[in-house]
Amino acid sequence: MTTKTNKPVRVEHSSGNVFADLGPPHPERELLKARLTLHIYRIIKQRGLTQVEAGQILGIKQPHVSALMRNRSGNFSVERLTEFLTALGQDVEITVRPTRKARGEVSVVVA
């Protein structure tokens, strides 16, 4: 028989960036990489490509595609991920503009 305890549940509100909440260095870059990787994943799935076929397009070996498909983009730079997107027939546009905040932020907009 289980007994219930009435312990309060501690809840923290997210900043909107899970990496900033977890505390690794450069959380904005990690979030950007995660978003770029997600877009790469979606394109590969949408086209029905095998990991070997995707690797041929991206110029990487299948195990690296497998890592990307599992959102393990740690070995790839933002620049390399954007190269993957262009190899998959996507235009990548980077816009820089002034911010009203003390510190700027990085975002990905998918058209």
PDB file of N, CA and C in Angstrom:
ATOM      1  N   MET A   1       0.841  -1.176   0.000  1.00  0.00           N
ATOM      2  CA  MET A   1       0.000   0.000   0.000  1.00  0.00           C
ATOM      3  C   MET A   1       0.889   1.244   0.000  1.00  0.00           C
ATOM      4  N   THR A   2       0.559   2.214  -0.822  1.00  0.00           N
ATOM      5  CA  THR A   2       1.331   3.439  -0.879  1.00  0.00           C
ATOM      6  C   THR A   2       0.701   4.491   0.007  1.00  0.00           C
ATOM      7  N   THR A   3       1.554   5.314   0.552  1.00  0.00           N
ATOM      8  CA  THR A   3       1.059   6.420   1.361  1.00  0.00           C
ATOM      9  C   THR A   3       1.341   7.711   0.634  1.00  0.00           C
ATOM     10  N   LYS A   4       0.452   8.636   0.767  1.00  0.00           N
ATOM     11  CA  LYS A   4       0.618   9.930   0.107  1.00  0.00           C
ATOM     12  C   LYS A   4       1.247  10.912   1.084  1.00  0.00           C
ATOM     13  N   THR A   5       2.144  11.692   0.558  1.00  0.00           N
ATOM     14  CA  THR A   5       2.701  12.790   1.342  1.00  0.00           C
ATOM     15  C   THR A   5       2.342  14.083   0.647  1.00  0.00           C
ATOM     16  N   ASN A   6       2.119  15.074   1.406  1.00  0.00           N
ATOM     17  CA  ASN A   6       1.737  16.372   0.843  1.00  0.00           C
ATOM     18  C   ASN A   6       2.929  17.316   0.821  1.00  0.00           C
ATOM     19  N   LYS A   7       3.953  16.929   0.084  1.00  0.00           N
ATOM     20  CA  LYS A   7       5.117  17.789  -0.057  1.00  0.00           C
ATOM     21  C   LYS A   7       4.842  18.806  -1.153  1.00  0.00           C
ATOM     22  N   PRO A   8       5.192  20.045  -0.910  1.00  0.00           N
ATOM     23  CA  PRO A   8       4.977  21.047  -1.962  1.00  0.00           C
ATOM     24  C   PRO A   8       5.910  20.782  -3.143  1.00  0.00           C
ATOM     25  N   VAL A   9       5.409  21.035  -4.315  1.00  0.00           N
ATOM     26  CA  VAL A   9       6.188  20.862  -5.536  1.00  0.00           C
ATOM     27  C   VAL A   9       6.839  22.199  -5.868  1.00  0.00           C
ATOM     28  N   ARG A  10       8.144  22.162  -6.083  1.00  0.00           N
ATOM     29  CA  ARG A  10       8.881  23.380  -6.422  1.00  0.00           C
ATOM     30  C   ARG A  10       8.863  23.562  -7.936  1.00  0.00           C
ATOM     31  N   VAL A  11       8.450  24.724  -8.368  1.00  0.00           N
ATOM     32  CA  VAL A  11       8.345  25.019  -9.789  1.00  0.00           C
ATOM     33  C   VAL A  11       9.153  26.274 -10.085  1.00  0.00           C
ATOM     34  N   GLU A  12       9.941  26.207 -11.145  1.00  0.00           N
ATOM     35  CA  GLU A  12      10.676  27.386 -11.600  1.00  0.00           C
ATOM     36  C   GLU A  12      10.164  27.748 -12.982  1.00  0.00           C
ATOM     37  N   HIS A  13       9.965  29.015 -13.205  1.00  0.00           N
ATOM     38  CA  HIS A  13       9.535  29.474 -14.519  1.00  0.00           C
ATOM     39  C   HIS A  13      10.747  29.552 -15.437  1.00  0.00           C
ATOM     40  N   SER A  14      10.559  29.132 -16.663  1.00  0.00           N
ATOM     41  CA  SER A  14      11.638  29.113 -17.642  1.00  0.00           C
ATOM     42  C   SER A  14      11.929  30.516 -18.146  1.00  0.00           C
ATOM     43  N   SER A  15      13.170  30.720 -18.485  1.00  0.00           N
ATOM     44  CA  SER A  15      13.570  31.987 -19.096  1.00  0.00           C
ATOM     45  C   SER A  15      13.212  32.008 -20.582  1.00  0.00           C
ATOM     46  N   GLY A  16      12.801  30.854 -21.108  1.00  0.00           N
ATOM     47  CA  GLY A  16      12.557  30.728 -22.541  1.00  0.00           C
ATOM     48  C   GLY A  16      13.720  30.063 -23.255  1.00  0.00           C
ATOM     49  N   ASN A  17      14.827  29.890 -22.545  1.00  0.00           N
ATOM     50  CA  ASN A  17      16.007  29.216 -23.087  1.00  0.00           C
ATOM     51  C   ASN A  17      16.408  28.157 -22.083  1.00  0.00           C
ATOM     52  N   VAL A  18      16.128  26.907 -22.396  1.00  0.00           N
ATOM     53  CA  VAL A  18      16.426  25.817 -21.474  1.00  0.00           C
ATOM     54  C   VAL A  18      17.912  25.754 -21.152  1.00  0.00           C
ATOM     55  N   PHE A  19      18.759  26.151 -22.087  1.00  0.00           N
ATOM     56  CA  PHE A  19      20.196  26.115 -21.839  1.00  0.00           C
ATOM     57  C   PHE A  19      20.605  27.171 -20.815  1.00  0.00           C
ATOM     58  N   ALA A  20      19.987  28.334 -20.884  1.00  0.00           N
ATOM     59  CA  ALA A  20      20.254  29.372 -19.871  1.00  0.00           C
ATOM     60  C   ALA A  20      19.774  28.897 -18.508  1.00  0.00           C
ATOM     61  N   ASP A  21      18.656  28.178 -18.476  1.00  0.00           N
ATOM     62  CA  ASP A  21      18.121  27.668 -17.216  1.00  0.00           C
ATOM     63  C   ASP A  21      19.042  26.610 -16.610  1.00  0.00           C
ATOM     64  N   LEU A  22      19.679  25.805 -17.465  1.00  0.00           N
ATOM     65  CA  LEU A  22      20.549  24.736 -16.979  1.00  0.00           C
ATOM     66  C   LEU A  22      21.951  25.231 -16.633  1.00  0.00           C
ATOM     67  N   GLY A  23      22.371  26.331 -17.233  1.00  0.00           N
ATOM     68  CA  GLY A  23      23.627  26.953 -16.846  1.00  0.00           C
ATOM     69  C   GLY A  23      24.902  26.603 -17.579  1.00  0.00           C
ATOM     70  N   PRO A  24      24.878  25.942 -18.749  1.00  0.00           N
ATOM     71  CA  PRO A  24      26.146  25.712 -19.442  1.00  0.00           C
ATOM     72  C   PRO A  24      26.669  27.024 -20.040  1.00  0.00           C
ATOM     73  N   PRO A  25      27.951  27.063 -20.403  1.00  0.00           N
ATOM     74  CA  PRO A  25      28.468  28.282 -21.027  1.00  0.00           C
ATOM     75  C   PRO A  25      27.823  28.514 -22.394  1.00  0.00           C
ATOM     76  N   HIS A  26      27.658  29.755 -22.752  1.00  0.00           N
ATOM     77  CA  HIS A  26      27.133  30.172 -24.061  1.00  0.00           C
ATOM     78  C   HIS A  26      25.744  29.592 -24.358  1.00  0.00           C
ATOM     79  N   PRO A  27      24.773  29.828 -23.497  1.00  0.00           N
ATOM     80  CA  PRO A  27      23.446  29.235 -23.714  1.00  0.00           C
ATOM     81  C   PRO A  27      22.754  29.718 -24.984  1.00  0.00           C
ATOM     82  N   GLU A  28      23.005  30.962 -25.410  1.00  0.00           N
ATOM     83  CA  GLU A  28      22.376  31.456 -26.637  1.00  0.00           C
ATOM     84  C   GLU A  28      22.850  30.671 -27.842  1.00  0.00           C
ATOM     85  N   ARG A  29      24.143  30.383 -27.869  1.00  0.00           N
ATOM     86  CA  ARG A  29      24.703  29.604 -28.981  1.00  0.00           C
ATOM     87  C   ARG A  29      24.134  28.189 -28.978  1.00  0.00           C
ATOM     88  N   GLU A  30      24.008  27.592 -27.813  1.00  0.00           N
ATOM     89  CA  GLU A  30      23.465  26.225 -27.725  1.00  0.00           C
ATOM     90  C   GLU A  30      22.015  26.173 -28.188  1.00  0.00           C
ATOM     91  N   LEU A  31      21.234  27.190 -27.831  1.00  0.00           N
ATOM     92  CA  LEU A  31      19.841  27.238 -28.289  1.00  0.00           C
ATOM     93  C   LEU A  31      19.785  27.405 -29.806  1.00  0.00           C
ATOM     94  N   LEU A  32      20.639  28.254 -30.347  1.00  0.00           N
ATOM     95  CA  LEU A  32      20.694  28.446 -31.797  1.00  0.00           C
ATOM     96  C   LEU A  32      21.046  27.135 -32.493  1.00  0.00           C
ATOM     97  N   LYS A  33      22.047  26.437 -31.986  1.00  0.00           N
ATOM     98  CA  LYS A  33      22.435  25.159 -32.578  1.00  0.00           C
ATOM     99  C   LYS A  33      21.297  24.146 -32.511  1.00  0.00           C
ATOM    100  N   ALA A  34      20.586  24.124 -31.407  1.00  0.00           N
ATOM    101  CA  ALA A  34      19.458  23.192 -31.267  1.00  0.00           C
ATOM    102  C   ALA A  34      18.369  23.508 -32.284  1.00  0.00           C
ATOM    103  N   ARG A  35      18.097  24.779 -32.496  1.00  0.00           N
ATOM    104  CA  ARG A  35      17.060  25.155 -33.457  1.00  0.00           C
ATOM    105  C   ARG A  35      17.475  24.844 -34.889  1.00  0.00           C
ATOM    106  N   LEU A  36      18.741  25.098 -35.226  1.00  0.00           N
ATOM    107  CA  LEU A  36      19.236  24.776 -36.564  1.00  0.00           C
ATOM    108  C   LEU A  36      19.201  23.263 -36.787  1.00  0.00           C
ATOM    109  N   THR A  37      19.601  22.519 -35.776  1.00  0.00           N
ATOM    110  CA  THR A  37      19.596  21.059 -35.866  1.00  0.00           C
ATOM    111  C   THR A  37      18.182  20.530 -36.061  1.00  0.00           C
ATOM    112  N   LEU A  38      17.220  21.110 -35.366  1.00  0.00           N
ATOM    113  CA  LEU A  38      15.823  20.704 -35.526  1.00  0.00           C
ATOM    114  C   LEU A  38      15.354  20.932 -36.961  1.00  0.00           C
ATOM    115  N   HIS A  39      15.753  22.047 -37.531  1.00  0.00           N
ATOM    116  CA  HIS A  39      15.350  22.336 -38.915  1.00  0.00           C
ATOM    117  C   HIS A  39      15.980  21.330 -39.878  1.00  0.00           C
ATOM    118  N   ILE A  40      17.242  20.992 -39.659  1.00  0.00           N
ATOM    119  CA  ILE A  40      17.912  19.983 -40.485  1.00  0.00           C
ATOM    120  C   ILE A  40      17.182  18.649 -40.360  1.00  0.00           C
ATOM    121  N   TYR A  41      16.856  18.269 -39.127  1.00  0.00           N
ATOM    122  CA  TYR A  41      16.124  17.027 -38.869  1.00  0.00           C
ATOM    123  C   TYR A  41      14.807  16.993 -39.645  1.00  0.00           C
ATOM    124  N   ARG A  42      14.059  18.079 -39.571  1.00  0.00           N
ATOM    125  CA  ARG A  42      12.756  18.133 -40.241  1.00  0.00           C
ATOM    126  C   ARG A  42      12.889  17.991 -41.756  1.00  0.00           C
ATOM    127  N   ILE A  43      13.901  18.617 -42.335  1.00  0.00           N
ATOM    128  CA  ILE A  43      14.101  18.526 -43.790  1.00  0.00           C
ATOM    129  C   ILE A  43      14.435  17.091 -44.186  1.00  0.00           C
ATOM    130  N   ILE A  44      15.336  16.465 -43.438  1.00  0.00           N
ATOM    131  CA  ILE A  44      15.727  15.083 -43.749  1.00  0.00           C
ATOM    132  C   ILE A  44      14.517  14.160 -43.647  1.00  0.00           C
ATOM    133  N   LYS A  45      13.722  14.306 -42.601  1.00  0.00           N
ATOM    134  CA  LYS A  45      12.533  13.472 -42.421  1.00  0.00           C
ATOM    135  C   LYS A  45      11.498  13.738 -43.517  1.00  0.00           C
ATOM    136  N   GLN A  46      11.286  15.029 -43.814  1.00  0.00           N
ATOM    137  CA  GLN A  46      10.292  15.415 -44.818  1.00  0.00           C
ATOM    138  C   GLN A  46      10.635  14.824 -46.188  1.00  0.00           C
ATOM    139  N   ARG A  47      11.911  14.777 -46.509  1.00  0.00           N
ATOM    140  CA  ARG A  47      12.345  14.239 -47.805  1.00  0.00           C
ATOM    141  C   ARG A  47      12.458  12.723 -47.802  1.00  0.00           C
ATOM    142  N   GLY A  48      12.325  12.113 -46.643  1.00  0.00           N
ATOM    143  CA  GLY A  48      12.415  10.660 -46.552  1.00  0.00           C
ATOM    144  C   GLY A  48      13.814  10.137 -46.832  1.00  0.00           C
ATOM    145  N   LEU A  49      14.828  10.924 -46.518  1.00  0.00           N
ATOM    146  CA  LEU A  49      16.203  10.518 -46.774  1.00  0.00           C
ATOM    147  C   LEU A  49      16.685   9.521 -45.727  1.00  0.00           C
ATOM    148  N   THR A  50      17.488   8.571 -46.166  1.00  0.00           N
ATOM    149  CA  THR A  50      18.165   7.712 -45.201  1.00  0.00           C
ATOM    150  C   THR A  50      19.330   8.516 -44.627  1.00  0.00           C
ATOM    151  N   GLN A  51      19.889   8.031 -43.543  1.00  0.00           N
ATOM    152  CA  GLN A  51      21.027   8.730 -42.961  1.00  0.00           C
ATOM    153  C   GLN A  51      22.238   8.703 -43.881  1.00  0.00           C
ATOM    154  N   VAL A  52      22.391   7.644 -44.631  1.00  0.00           N
ATOM    155  CA  VAL A  52      23.495   7.559 -45.602  1.00  0.00           C
ATOM    156  C   VAL A  52      23.292   8.596 -46.707  1.00  0.00           C
ATOM    157  N   GLU A  53      22.063   8.697 -47.223  1.00  0.00           N
ATOM    158  CA  GLU A  53      21.768   9.685 -48.271  1.00  0.00           C
ATOM    159  C   GLU A  53      21.973  11.107 -47.742  1.00  0.00           C
ATOM    160  N   ALA A  54      21.499  11.355 -46.548  1.00  0.00           N
ATOM    161  CA  ALA A  54      21.675  12.684 -45.943  1.00  0.00           C
ATOM    162  C   ALA A  54      23.154  12.991 -45.757  1.00  0.00           C
ATOM    163  N   GLY A  55      23.910  11.999 -45.347  1.00  0.00           N
ATOM    164  CA  GLY A  55      25.354  12.186 -45.170  1.00  0.00           C
ATOM    165  C   GLY A  55      26.043  12.545 -46.472  1.00  0.00           C
ATOM    166  N   GLN A  56      25.608  11.934 -47.567  1.00  0.00           N
ATOM    167  CA  GLN A  56      26.195  12.254 -48.876  1.00  0.00           C
ATOM    168  C   GLN A  56      25.902  13.700 -49.248  1.00  0.00           C
ATOM    169  N   ILE A  57      24.698  14.162 -48.967  1.00  0.00           N
ATOM    170  CA  ILE A  57      24.330  15.549 -49.273  1.00  0.00           C
ATOM    171  C   ILE A  57      25.107  16.520 -48.383  1.00  0.00           C
ATOM    172  N   LEU A  58      25.220  16.174 -47.102  1.00  0.00           N
ATOM    173  CA  LEU A  58      25.853  17.074 -46.133  1.00  0.00           C
ATOM    174  C   LEU A  58      27.374  16.974 -46.136  1.00  0.00           C
ATOM    175  N   GLY A  59      27.908  15.909 -46.732  1.00  0.00           N
ATOM    176  CA  GLY A  59      29.354  15.727 -46.757  1.00  0.00           C
ATOM    177  C   GLY A  59      29.914  15.200 -45.442  1.00  0.00           C
ATOM    178  N   ILE A  60      29.085  14.420 -44.727  1.00  0.00           N
ATOM    179  CA  ILE A  60      29.531  13.819 -43.474  1.00  0.00           C
ATOM    180  C   ILE A  60      29.150  12.342 -43.476  1.00  0.00           C
ATOM    181  N   LYS A  61      29.744  11.588 -42.571  1.00  0.00           N
ATOM    182  CA  LYS A  61      29.462  10.162 -42.496  1.00  0.00           C
ATOM    183  C   LYS A  61      28.169   9.899 -41.730  1.00  0.00           C
ATOM    184  N   GLN A  62      27.607   8.718 -41.978  1.00  0.00           N
ATOM    185  CA  GLN A  62      26.327   8.347 -41.380  1.00  0.00           C
ATOM    186  C   GLN A  62      26.299   8.476 -39.863  1.00  0.00           C
ATOM    187  N   PRO A  63      27.339   8.084 -39.117  1.00  0.00           N
ATOM    188  CA  PRO A  63      27.268   8.240 -37.661  1.00  0.00           C
ATOM    189  C   PRO A  63      27.083   9.699 -37.217  1.00  0.00           C
ATOM    190  N   HIS A  64      27.629  10.622 -37.983  1.00  0.00           N
ATOM    191  CA  HIS A  64      27.455  12.046 -37.662  1.00  0.00           C
ATOM    192  C   HIS A  64      26.026  12.495 -37.967  1.00  0.00           C
ATOM    193  N   VAL A  65      25.435  11.943 -39.024  1.00  0.00           N
ATOM    194  CA  VAL A  65      24.028  12.236 -39.319  1.00  0.00           C
ATOM    195  C   VAL A  65      23.163  11.680 -38.192  1.00  0.00           C
ATOM    196  N   SER A  66      23.490  10.488 -37.741  1.00  0.00           N
ATOM    197  CA  SER A  66      22.749   9.887 -36.633  1.00  0.00           C
ATOM    198  C   SER A  66      22.794  10.787 -35.403  1.00  0.00           C
ATOM    199  N   ALA A  67      23.953  11.350 -35.109  1.00  0.00           N
ATOM    200  CA  ALA A  67      24.080  12.264 -33.966  1.00  0.00           C
ATOM    201  C   ALA A  67      23.198  13.495 -34.168  1.00  0.00           C
ATOM    202  N   LEU A  68      23.205  14.044 -35.377  1.00  0.00           N
ATOM    203  CA  LEU A  68      22.343  15.198 -35.672  1.00  0.00           C
ATOM    204  C   LEU A  68      20.873  14.855 -35.480  1.00  0.00           C
ATOM    205  N   MET A  69      20.482  13.682 -35.937  1.00  0.00           N
ATOM    206  CA  MET A  69      19.081  13.278 -35.853  1.00  0.00           C
ATOM    207  C   MET A  69      18.636  13.069 -34.404  1.00  0.00           C
ATOM    208  N   ARG A  70      19.594  12.882 -33.518  1.00  0.00           N
ATOM    209  CA  ARG A  70      19.286  12.751 -32.097  1.00  0.00           C
ATOM    210  C   ARG A  70      19.589  14.043 -31.345  1.00  0.00           C
ATOM    211  N   ASN A  71      19.678  15.153 -32.089  1.00  0.00           N
ATOM    212  CA  ASN A  71      19.935  16.484 -31.540  1.00  0.00           C
ATOM    213  C   ASN A  71      21.239  16.540 -30.755  1.00  0.00           C
ATOM    214  N   ARG A  72      22.245  15.873 -31.263  1.00  0.00           N
ATOM    215  CA  ARG A  72      23.576  15.912 -30.665  1.00  0.00           C
ATOM    216  C   ARG A  72      24.473  16.758 -31.566  1.00  0.00           C
ATOM    217  N   SER A  73      24.202  18.057 -31.563  1.00  0.00           N
ATOM    218  CA  SER A  73      24.911  18.961 -32.477  1.00  0.00           C
ATOM    219  C   SER A  73      26.181  19.520 -31.860  1.00  0.00           C
ATOM    220  N   GLY A  74      26.560  19.058 -30.689  1.00  0.00           N
ATOM    221  CA  GLY A  74      27.700  19.602 -29.969  1.00  0.00           C
ATOM    222  C   GLY A  74      28.997  19.642 -30.755  1.00  0.00           C
ATOM    223  N   ASN A  75      29.193  18.693 -31.664  1.00  0.00           N
ATOM    224  CA  ASN A  75      30.437  18.647 -32.435  1.00  0.00           C
ATOM    225  C   ASN A  75      30.439  19.592 -33.631  1.00  0.00           C
ATOM    226  N   PHE A  76      29.292  20.191 -33.925  1.00  0.00           N
ATOM    227  CA  PHE A  76      29.183  21.052 -35.092  1.00  0.00           C
ATOM    228  C   PHE A  76      29.023  22.499 -34.663  1.00  0.00           C
ATOM    229  N   SER A  77      29.710  23.388 -35.358  1.00  0.00           N
ATOM    230  CA  SER A  77      29.584  24.823 -35.093  1.00  0.00           C
ATOM    231  C   SER A  77      28.310  25.355 -35.754  1.00  0.00           C
ATOM    232  N   VAL A  78      27.922  26.545 -35.349  1.00  0.00           N
ATOM    233  CA  VAL A  78      26.774  27.197 -35.983  1.00  0.00           C
ATOM    234  C   VAL A  78      27.050  27.349 -37.481  1.00  0.00           C
ATOM    235  N   GLU A  79      28.274  27.705 -37.823  1.00  0.00           N
ATOM    236  CA  GLU A  79      28.635  27.874 -39.230  1.00  0.00           C
ATOM    237  C   GLU A  79      28.455  26.562 -40.006  1.00  0.00           C
ATOM    238  N   ARG A  80      28.878  25.469 -39.427  1.00  0.00           N
ATOM    239  CA  ARG A  80      28.762  24.169 -40.109  1.00  0.00           C
ATOM    240  C   ARG A  80      27.290  23.778 -40.270  1.00  0.00           C
ATOM    241  N   LEU A  81      26.485  24.043 -39.244  1.00  0.00           N
ATOM    242  CA  LEU A  81      25.056  23.736 -39.338  1.00  0.00           C
ATOM    243  C   LEU A  81      24.388  24.566 -40.435  1.00  0.00           C
ATOM    244  N   THR A  82      24.805  25.819 -40.594  1.00  0.00           N
ATOM    245  CA  THR A  82      24.234  26.628 -41.677  1.00  0.00           C
ATOM    246  C   THR A  82      24.693  26.102 -43.034  1.00  0.00           C
ATOM    247  N   GLU A  83      25.906  25.566 -43.109  1.00  0.00           N
ATOM    248  CA  GLU A  83      26.370  24.941 -44.347  1.00  0.00           C
ATOM    249  C   GLU A  83      25.516  23.711 -44.682  1.00  0.00           C
ATOM    250  N   PHE A  84      25.137  22.948 -43.655  1.00  0.00           N
ATOM    251  CA  PHE A  84      24.260  21.797 -43.876  1.00  0.00           C
ATOM    252  C   PHE A  84      22.929  22.255 -44.455  1.00  0.00           C
ATOM    253  N   LEU A  85      22.392  23.338 -43.914  1.00  0.00           N
ATOM    254  CA  LEU A  85      21.110  23.847 -44.400  1.00  0.00           C
ATOM    255  C   LEU A  85      21.204  24.293 -45.854  1.00  0.00           C
ATOM    256  N   THR A  86      22.283  24.961 -46.222  1.00  0.00           N
ATOM    257  CA  THR A  86      22.424  25.378 -47.616  1.00  0.00           C
ATOM    258  C   THR A  86      22.612  24.167 -48.531  1.00  0.00           C
ATOM    259  N   ALA A  87      23.304  23.129 -48.044  1.00  0.00           N
ATOM    260  CA  ALA A  87      23.459  21.899 -48.830  1.00  0.00           C
ATOM    261  C   ALA A  87      22.103  21.227 -49.043  1.00  0.00           C
ATOM    262  N   LEU A  88      21.185  21.440 -48.112  1.00  0.00           N
ATOM    263  CA  LEU A  88      19.833  20.880 -48.221  1.00  0.00           C
ATOM    264  C   LEU A  88      18.893  21.803 -48.997  1.00  0.00           C
ATOM    265  N   GLY A  89      19.461  22.837 -49.636  1.00  0.00           N
ATOM    266  CA  GLY A  89      18.662  23.709 -50.497  1.00  0.00           C
ATOM    267  C   GLY A  89      17.933  24.812 -49.764  1.00  0.00           C
ATOM    268  N   GLN A  90      18.446  25.220 -48.624  1.00  0.00           N
ATOM    269  CA  GLN A  90      17.813  26.285 -47.847  1.00  0.00           C
ATOM    270  C   GLN A  90      18.652  27.554 -47.934  1.00  0.00           C
ATOM    271  N   ASP A  91      17.993  28.699 -47.965  1.00  0.00           N
ATOM    272  CA  ASP A  91      18.681  29.971 -47.830  1.00  0.00           C
ATOM    273  C   ASP A  91      18.760  30.289 -46.342  1.00  0.00           C
ATOM    274  N   VAL A  92      19.916  30.738 -45.897  1.00  0.00           N
ATOM    275  CA  VAL A  92      20.103  31.118 -44.499  1.00  0.00           C
ATOM    276  C   VAL A  92      20.415  32.602 -44.484  1.00  0.00           C
ATOM    277  N   GLU A  93      19.637  33.344 -43.736  1.00  0.00           N
ATOM    278  CA  GLU A  93      19.800  34.795 -43.668  1.00  0.00           C
ATOM    279  C   GLU A  93      20.087  35.191 -42.231  1.00  0.00           C
ATOM    280  N   ILE A  94      21.128  35.980 -42.040  1.00  0.00           N
ATOM    281  CA  ILE A  94      21.486  36.481 -40.716  1.00  0.00           C
ATOM    282  C   ILE A  94      21.226  37.977 -40.703  1.00  0.00           C
ATOM    283  N   THR A  95      20.436  38.422 -39.744  1.00  0.00           N
ATOM    284  CA  THR A  95      20.103  39.835 -39.623  1.00  0.00           C
ATOM    285  C   THR A  95      20.639  40.366 -38.307  1.00  0.00           C
ATOM    286  N   VAL A  96      21.343  41.476 -38.371  1.00  0.00           N
ATOM    287  CA  VAL A  96      21.857  42.123 -37.167  1.00  0.00           C
ATOM    288  C   VAL A  96      21.177  43.476 -37.043  1.00  0.00           C
ATOM    289  N   ARG A  97      20.620  43.754 -35.856  1.00  0.00           N
ATOM    290  CA  ARG A  97      19.952  45.028 -35.631  1.00  0.00           C
ATOM    291  C   ARG A  97      20.142  45.442 -34.174  1.00  0.00           C
ATOM    292  N   PRO A  98      20.032  46.714 -33.891  1.00  0.00           N
ATOM    293  CA  PRO A  98      20.187  47.168 -32.508  1.00  0.00           C
ATOM    294  C   PRO A  98      19.072  46.606 -31.620  1.00  0.00           C
ATOM    295  N   THR A  99      19.386  46.444 -30.345  1.00  0.00           N
ATOM    296  CA  THR A  99      18.395  45.970 -29.386  1.00  0.00           C
ATOM    297  C   THR A  99      18.090  47.065 -28.379  1.00  0.00           C
ATOM    298  N   ARG A 100      16.942  46.956 -27.753  1.00  0.00           N
ATOM    299  CA  ARG A 100      16.563  47.907 -26.713  1.00  0.00           C
ATOM    300  C   ARG A 100      16.945  47.380 -25.336  1.00  0.00           C
ATOM    301  N   LYS A 101      17.425  46.158 -25.303  1.00  0.00           N
ATOM    302  CA  LYS A 101      17.816  45.529 -24.048  1.00  0.00           C
ATOM    303  C   LYS A 101      19.290  45.807 -23.773  1.00  0.00           C
ATOM    304  N   ALA A 102      19.719  45.464 -22.576  1.00  0.00           N
ATOM    305  CA  ALA A 102      21.128  45.630 -22.219  1.00  0.00           C
ATOM    306  C   ALA A 102      22.006  44.688 -23.029  1.00  0.00           C
ATOM    307  N   ARG A 103      21.460  43.536 -23.383  1.00  0.00           N
ATOM    308  CA  ARG A 103      22.206  42.519 -24.126  1.00  0.00           C
ATOM    309  C   ARG A 103      21.321  42.009 -25.244  1.00  0.00           C
ATOM    310  N   GLY A 104      21.911  41.796 -26.396  1.00  0.00           N
ATOM    311  CA  GLY A 104      21.149  41.290 -27.536  1.00  0.00           C
ATOM    312  C   GLY A 104      20.833  39.814 -27.384  1.00  0.00           C
ATOM    313  N   GLU A 105      20.065  39.286 -28.305  1.00  0.00           N
ATOM    314  CA  GLU A 105      19.715  37.871 -28.284  1.00  0.00           C
ATOM    315  C   GLU A 105      19.795  37.301 -29.685  1.00  0.00           C
ATOM    316  N   VAL A 106      19.849  35.988 -29.777  1.00  0.00           N
ATOM    317  CA  VAL A 106      19.938  35.294 -31.047  1.00  0.00           C
ATOM    318  C   VAL A 106      18.637  34.534 -31.243  1.00  0.00           C
ATOM    319  N   SER A 107      18.097  34.590 -32.456  1.00  0.00           N
ATOM    320  CA  SER A 107      16.877  33.842 -32.729  1.00  0.00           C
ATOM    321  C   SER A 107      16.943  33.256 -34.130  1.00  0.00           C
ATOM    322  N   VAL A 108      16.134  32.242 -34.338  1.00  0.00           N
ATOM    323  CA  VAL A 108      16.010  31.603 -35.643  1.00  0.00           C
ATOM    324  C   VAL A 108      14.577  31.740 -36.094  1.00  0.00           C
ATOM    325  N   VAL A 109      14.374  32.256 -37.291  1.00  0.00           N
ATOM    326  CA  VAL A 109      13.053  32.389 -37.874  1.00  0.00           C
ATOM    327  C   VAL A 109      12.997  31.488 -39.092  1.00  0.00           C
ATOM    328  N   VAL A 110      12.052  30.579 -39.085  1.00  0.00           N
ATOM    329  CA  VAL A 110      11.913  29.659 -40.212  1.00  0.00           C
ATOM    330  C   VAL A 110      10.724  30.125 -41.041  1.00  0.00           C
ATOM    331  N   ALA A 111      10.997  30.385 -42.323  1.00  0.00           N
ATOM    332  CA  ALA A 111       9.940  30.873 -43.221  1.00  0.00           C
ATOM    333  C   ALA A 111       9.065  29.747 -43.695  1.00  0.00           C
TER     334      ALA A 111
END
